[in-house]
N, C-alpha and C. Protein backbone atom coordinates (compact mmCIF):
# COMPACT_ATOMS: atom_id res chain seq x y z
N UNK A 1 81.22 130.04 239.74
CA UNK A 1 79.51 130.34 239.34
C UNK A 1 79.06 130.28 240.89
N UNK A 2 79.32 129.47 241.62
CA UNK A 2 79.01 129.74 243.06
C UNK A 2 79.12 130.73 243.90
N UNK A 3 80.56 131.33 243.43
CA UNK A 3 80.97 132.30 243.99
C UNK A 3 80.15 134.10 243.30
N UNK A 4 79.86 133.62 242.17
CA UNK A 4 79.46 134.66 241.98
C UNK A 4 77.47 134.89 242.16
N UNK A 5 77.49 133.43 242.17
CA UNK A 5 75.96 133.72 242.85
C UNK A 5 75.44 133.95 244.14
N UNK A 6 76.83 133.86 244.94
CA UNK A 6 76.89 134.02 246.05
C UNK A 6 77.04 135.81 246.27
N UNK A 7 78.13 136.29 245.84
CA UNK A 7 78.23 137.85 245.13
C UNK A 7 76.66 138.46 245.02
N UNK A 8 75.92 137.60 244.27
CA UNK A 8 74.62 138.26 243.14
C UNK A 8 73.53 138.26 244.82
N UNK A 9 73.55 137.21 245.45
CA UNK A 9 72.76 137.32 246.89
C UNK A 9 73.17 138.32 247.58
N UNK A 10 74.41 138.63 248.03
CA UNK A 10 74.74 139.78 249.01
C UNK A 10 74.68 140.67 248.48
N UNK A 11 74.79 140.96 247.12
CA UNK A 11 74.09 142.31 246.85
C UNK A 11 72.61 142.75 246.66
N UNK A 12 71.74 141.69 246.19
CA UNK A 12 70.43 141.73 246.69
C UNK A 12 70.06 141.82 247.68
N UNK A 13 70.24 141.26 248.66
CA UNK A 13 69.74 141.12 250.03
C UNK A 13 70.18 142.84 250.47
N UNK A 14 71.71 142.97 250.55
CA UNK A 14 72.05 144.19 251.37
C UNK A 14 71.19 145.76 250.02
N UNK A 15 71.03 145.79 249.20
CA UNK A 15 70.29 146.16 247.95
C UNK A 15 71.49 147.47 247.52
N UNK A 16 72.75 146.54 247.48
CA UNK A 16 73.70 147.49 247.40
C UNK A 16 74.07 147.42 245.80
N UNK A 17 73.02 147.35 244.51
CA UNK A 17 73.52 146.42 243.49
C UNK A 17 73.71 147.76 242.75
N UNK A 18 75.12 147.96 242.29
CA UNK A 18 75.36 149.75 241.35
C UNK A 18 74.51 149.43 239.81
N UNK A 19 73.72 150.53 240.11
CA UNK A 19 72.66 150.79 238.80
C UNK A 19 73.44 150.74 237.19
N UNK A 20 74.72 151.35 237.31
CA UNK A 20 75.22 150.65 236.10
C UNK A 20 75.38 149.09 235.93
N UNK A 21 75.61 148.46 236.52
CA UNK A 21 75.50 147.10 236.39
C UNK A 21 74.40 146.91 235.93
N UNK A 22 73.51 147.09 236.78
CA UNK A 22 71.85 146.86 236.41
C UNK A 22 71.49 146.69 234.83
N UNK A 23 71.73 148.06 234.57
CA UNK A 23 72.26 148.50 232.84
C UNK A 23 72.69 147.64 232.33
N UNK A 24 74.18 147.35 232.41
CA UNK A 24 75.01 146.64 231.82
C UNK A 24 74.11 145.18 231.73
N UNK A 25 73.52 144.80 232.66
CA UNK A 25 72.80 143.22 232.54
C UNK A 25 71.74 143.20 231.28
N UNK A 26 71.06 144.04 231.84
CA UNK A 26 69.46 144.88 231.03
C UNK A 26 70.48 144.86 229.24
N UNK A 27 71.19 145.29 228.90
CA UNK A 27 72.27 145.70 227.67
C UNK A 27 72.32 144.49 227.15
N UNK A 28 72.94 143.06 228.14
CA UNK A 28 73.31 142.14 227.60
C UNK A 28 71.82 141.12 227.37
N UNK A 29 71.02 141.29 227.94
CA UNK A 29 69.90 140.85 227.65
C UNK A 29 69.16 140.50 226.63
N UNK A 30 69.15 142.10 225.96
CA UNK A 30 69.06 142.84 225.02
C UNK A 30 69.90 142.10 223.61
N UNK A 31 70.85 142.51 224.18
CA UNK A 31 71.62 141.96 223.06
C UNK A 31 71.52 140.60 222.55
N UNK A 32 71.19 139.21 223.27
CA UNK A 32 71.49 138.31 223.01
C UNK A 32 70.02 137.68 222.67
N UNK A 33 68.31 138.56 223.12
CA UNK A 33 67.86 138.42 222.46
C UNK A 33 67.42 138.69 221.16
N UNK A 34 68.10 140.00 220.92
CA UNK A 34 68.43 140.67 219.31
C UNK A 34 69.11 139.32 218.93
N UNK A 35 70.37 138.67 219.16
CA UNK A 35 71.38 137.49 217.86
C UNK A 35 70.49 136.47 218.42
N UNK A 36 69.16 136.06 218.72
CA UNK A 36 68.37 134.66 218.93
C UNK A 36 67.62 134.37 217.33
N UNK A 37 67.08 135.72 217.30
CA UNK A 37 66.65 135.94 215.78
C UNK A 37 67.78 136.02 214.59
N UNK A 38 68.64 136.32 214.28
CA UNK A 38 69.25 136.56 213.41
C UNK A 38 69.74 135.33 212.23
N UNK A 39 69.73 134.22 212.90
CA UNK A 39 70.49 133.18 212.19
C UNK A 39 68.79 132.93 211.39
N UNK A 40 67.85 132.85 212.19
CA UNK A 40 66.74 132.41 211.24
C UNK A 40 66.67 133.50 210.21
N UNK A 41 66.76 134.68 210.40
CA UNK A 41 66.43 135.53 209.45
C UNK A 41 67.27 135.42 208.30
N UNK A 42 68.38 135.46 208.59
CA UNK A 42 69.45 135.09 207.22
C UNK A 42 69.01 133.77 206.50
N UNK A 43 69.07 132.84 207.22
CA UNK A 43 68.89 131.09 206.82
C UNK A 43 67.73 131.58 206.24
N UNK A 44 66.73 132.21 206.37
CA UNK A 44 65.47 132.07 205.67
C UNK A 44 65.68 133.14 204.08
N UNK A 45 66.31 134.18 204.64
CA UNK A 45 66.50 134.95 203.27
C UNK A 45 67.53 134.36 202.51
N UNK A 46 68.55 133.58 203.04
CA UNK A 46 69.08 132.93 201.99
C UNK A 46 68.57 131.93 201.07
N UNK A 47 68.50 130.91 201.89
CA UNK A 47 67.30 129.88 201.51
C UNK A 47 66.36 130.50 200.32
N UNK A 48 65.52 131.45 200.83
CA UNK A 48 64.26 131.87 200.10
C UNK A 48 63.37 130.42 200.45
N UNK A 49 63.10 129.81 202.02
CA UNK A 49 61.93 128.79 202.36
C UNK A 49 62.27 129.16 203.91
N UNK A 50 60.49 129.02 204.12
CA UNK A 50 60.21 129.41 205.45
C UNK A 50 59.34 128.20 205.84
N UNK A 51 59.43 126.97 204.74
CA UNK A 51 57.95 125.87 205.43
C UNK A 51 57.86 125.28 206.38
N UNK A 52 59.40 125.43 207.11
CA UNK A 52 59.04 124.46 208.30
C UNK A 52 58.86 125.64 209.67
N UNK A 53 58.97 127.30 209.14
CA UNK A 53 58.67 128.60 210.16
C UNK A 53 57.10 128.40 210.59
N UNK A 54 56.80 128.48 211.72
CA UNK A 54 55.45 128.50 212.00
C UNK A 54 54.71 129.94 211.67
N UNK A 55 53.91 130.07 211.32
CA UNK A 55 53.24 131.26 211.36
C UNK A 55 53.01 132.09 212.73
N UNK A 56 52.41 131.23 213.59
CA UNK A 56 51.75 131.10 214.73
C UNK A 56 52.97 131.65 215.59
N UNK A 57 53.92 131.05 215.56
CA UNK A 57 54.84 131.90 216.63
C UNK A 57 55.54 132.87 215.87
N UNK A 58 55.58 133.53 214.68
CA UNK A 58 56.31 134.63 214.27
C UNK A 58 55.37 135.76 214.43
N UNK A 59 53.43 134.97 214.77
CA UNK A 59 52.70 136.28 214.70
C UNK A 59 52.72 136.76 216.36
N UNK A 60 52.64 135.59 216.99
CA UNK A 60 52.62 135.68 218.53
C UNK A 60 53.86 136.41 218.88
N UNK A 61 55.38 136.13 218.54
CA UNK A 61 56.56 137.06 218.81
C UNK A 61 56.60 138.53 217.73
N UNK A 62 55.57 138.92 217.34
CA UNK A 62 55.69 140.38 217.23
C UNK A 62 54.41 141.19 217.65
N UNK A 63 53.20 139.87 217.93
CA UNK A 63 52.49 140.56 218.78
C UNK A 63 53.47 140.89 220.48
N UNK A 64 53.98 140.05 221.28
CA UNK A 64 55.01 140.05 222.25
C UNK A 64 55.41 141.65 222.54
N UNK A 65 56.30 141.44 221.46
CA UNK A 65 57.53 142.77 221.07
C UNK A 65 56.80 143.72 221.06
N UNK A 66 55.56 143.82 220.59
CA UNK A 66 54.26 145.67 220.40
C UNK A 66 54.08 145.66 221.89
N UNK A 67 53.74 144.83 222.72
CA UNK A 67 53.28 144.55 224.39
C UNK A 67 54.52 145.23 224.75
N UNK A 68 55.56 144.71 224.51
CA UNK A 68 56.95 144.50 225.71
C UNK A 68 57.54 146.11 224.97
N UNK A 69 57.06 146.58 223.79
CA UNK A 69 57.65 148.20 224.07
C UNK A 69 56.72 149.10 224.29
N UNK A 70 55.34 148.56 224.48
CA UNK A 70 54.75 149.42 225.62
C UNK A 70 55.25 149.54 227.25
N UNK A 71 55.30 148.51 227.06
CA UNK A 71 55.71 147.79 228.82
C UNK A 71 57.00 149.32 228.79
N UNK A 72 58.23 148.53 227.50
CA UNK A 72 59.20 149.74 228.26
C UNK A 72 59.10 150.67 228.12
N UNK A 73 58.62 151.68 227.21
CA UNK A 73 57.70 152.84 227.25
C UNK A 73 57.55 153.59 228.50
N UNK A 74 56.68 152.65 229.13
CA UNK A 74 55.88 152.99 230.64
C UNK A 74 56.67 153.10 231.52
N UNK A 75 58.09 152.23 231.29
CA UNK A 75 58.66 152.20 232.92
C UNK A 75 60.00 152.62 232.18
N UNK A 76 59.93 153.44 231.14
CA UNK A 76 61.39 153.75 230.59
C UNK A 76 62.96 153.23 230.52
N UNK A 77 62.43 151.99 230.09
CA UNK A 77 63.44 151.19 230.02
C UNK A 77 64.04 150.95 228.41
N UNK A 78 65.41 151.49 228.02
CA UNK A 78 66.14 151.58 227.05
C UNK A 78 66.41 150.48 226.79
N UNK A 79 67.02 149.59 227.55
CA UNK A 79 67.56 148.35 227.18
C UNK A 79 66.45 147.10 226.46
N UNK A 80 65.09 147.05 226.98
CA UNK A 80 63.89 146.24 226.97
C UNK A 80 63.30 147.26 225.66
N UNK A 81 63.70 148.51 225.44
CA UNK A 81 63.21 148.91 224.35
C UNK A 81 63.91 148.66 223.28
N UNK A 82 65.21 148.82 223.27
CA UNK A 82 65.80 148.77 222.40
C UNK A 82 65.67 147.03 221.39
N UNK A 83 65.84 146.12 222.64
CA UNK A 83 65.96 144.71 222.04
C UNK A 83 64.37 144.07 221.39
N UNK A 84 63.69 144.73 221.96
CA UNK A 84 62.15 144.46 221.52
C UNK A 84 61.86 145.05 219.98
N UNK A 85 62.29 146.48 219.72
CA UNK A 85 62.52 147.25 218.54
C UNK A 85 63.38 146.42 217.59
N UNK A 86 64.13 146.06 218.11
CA UNK A 86 65.15 145.10 216.73
C UNK A 86 64.46 143.37 216.50
N UNK A 87 63.92 142.66 217.88
CA UNK A 87 63.36 141.73 217.55
C UNK A 87 62.05 142.46 217.08
N UNK A 88 61.07 143.29 216.96
CA UNK A 88 60.30 142.90 216.14
C UNK A 88 60.62 143.31 215.08
N UNK A 89 61.60 144.22 214.23
CA UNK A 89 61.88 144.22 213.14
C UNK A 89 62.64 142.69 212.44
N UNK A 90 63.23 142.54 212.86
CA UNK A 90 63.49 141.07 212.58
C UNK A 90 62.11 139.57 212.27
N UNK A 91 61.49 140.19 213.69
CA UNK A 91 60.29 139.18 213.33
C UNK A 91 59.26 139.34 212.33
N UNK A 92 59.28 141.16 211.91
CA UNK A 92 58.61 141.46 210.59
C UNK A 92 59.75 140.54 209.53
N UNK A 93 60.77 140.44 209.64
CA UNK A 93 61.01 140.06 208.44
C UNK A 93 60.86 138.52 208.32
N UNK A 94 60.68 137.87 209.36
CA UNK A 94 60.11 136.72 208.93
C UNK A 94 58.89 136.19 208.67
N UNK A 95 58.02 137.37 208.74
CA UNK A 95 56.15 137.66 208.86
C UNK A 95 56.06 137.53 207.31
N UNK A 96 57.20 138.45 207.01
CA UNK A 96 56.86 138.83 204.95
C UNK A 96 57.49 137.58 204.39
N UNK A 97 58.73 137.05 205.08
CA UNK A 97 59.58 136.21 204.39
C UNK A 97 58.18 134.69 204.32
N UNK A 98 57.86 134.81 205.30
CA UNK A 98 56.50 133.74 205.06
C UNK A 98 55.23 133.66 204.60
N UNK A 99 55.26 135.13 204.41
CA UNK A 99 53.78 135.25 203.16
C UNK A 99 54.77 135.47 202.01
N UNK A 100 55.60 135.60 201.39
CA UNK A 100 55.77 135.66 200.02
C UNK A 100 56.94 134.71 199.30
N UNK A 101 57.28 134.03 200.69
CA UNK A 101 58.07 132.69 199.96
C UNK A 101 57.51 131.45 199.89
C-alpha cells in the first residue's frame, strides 16, 4: 500500500495522471456507491419491512443525489452522473417502500 501511495503522490506532484486512470477511478467509485444501496433495497423488498429505516436519511439521500446530478451535468462527469442516477433510483425505491410497507 505504501508503494501505491508513493506512486500516486509522485503522479499527482508531477501532474502526469493518465486521464483514463482518473476515469477508471471515477467508475470504480460509482460502482461502489451503487452497490452500497443494493442490499438494503433487496432486504426491504424481500421482508417488506422498513421499520428501522430512517425516513429522514432516505429523503436526504434523494435530495443529495439530485444535487450531485446537477453538479455532474454542469461539469460533464459521466461517472458521477451514472452513480447518482442509480443511487437515486435505489433510494426512491426505499422511499416507496418506507411509505407503503
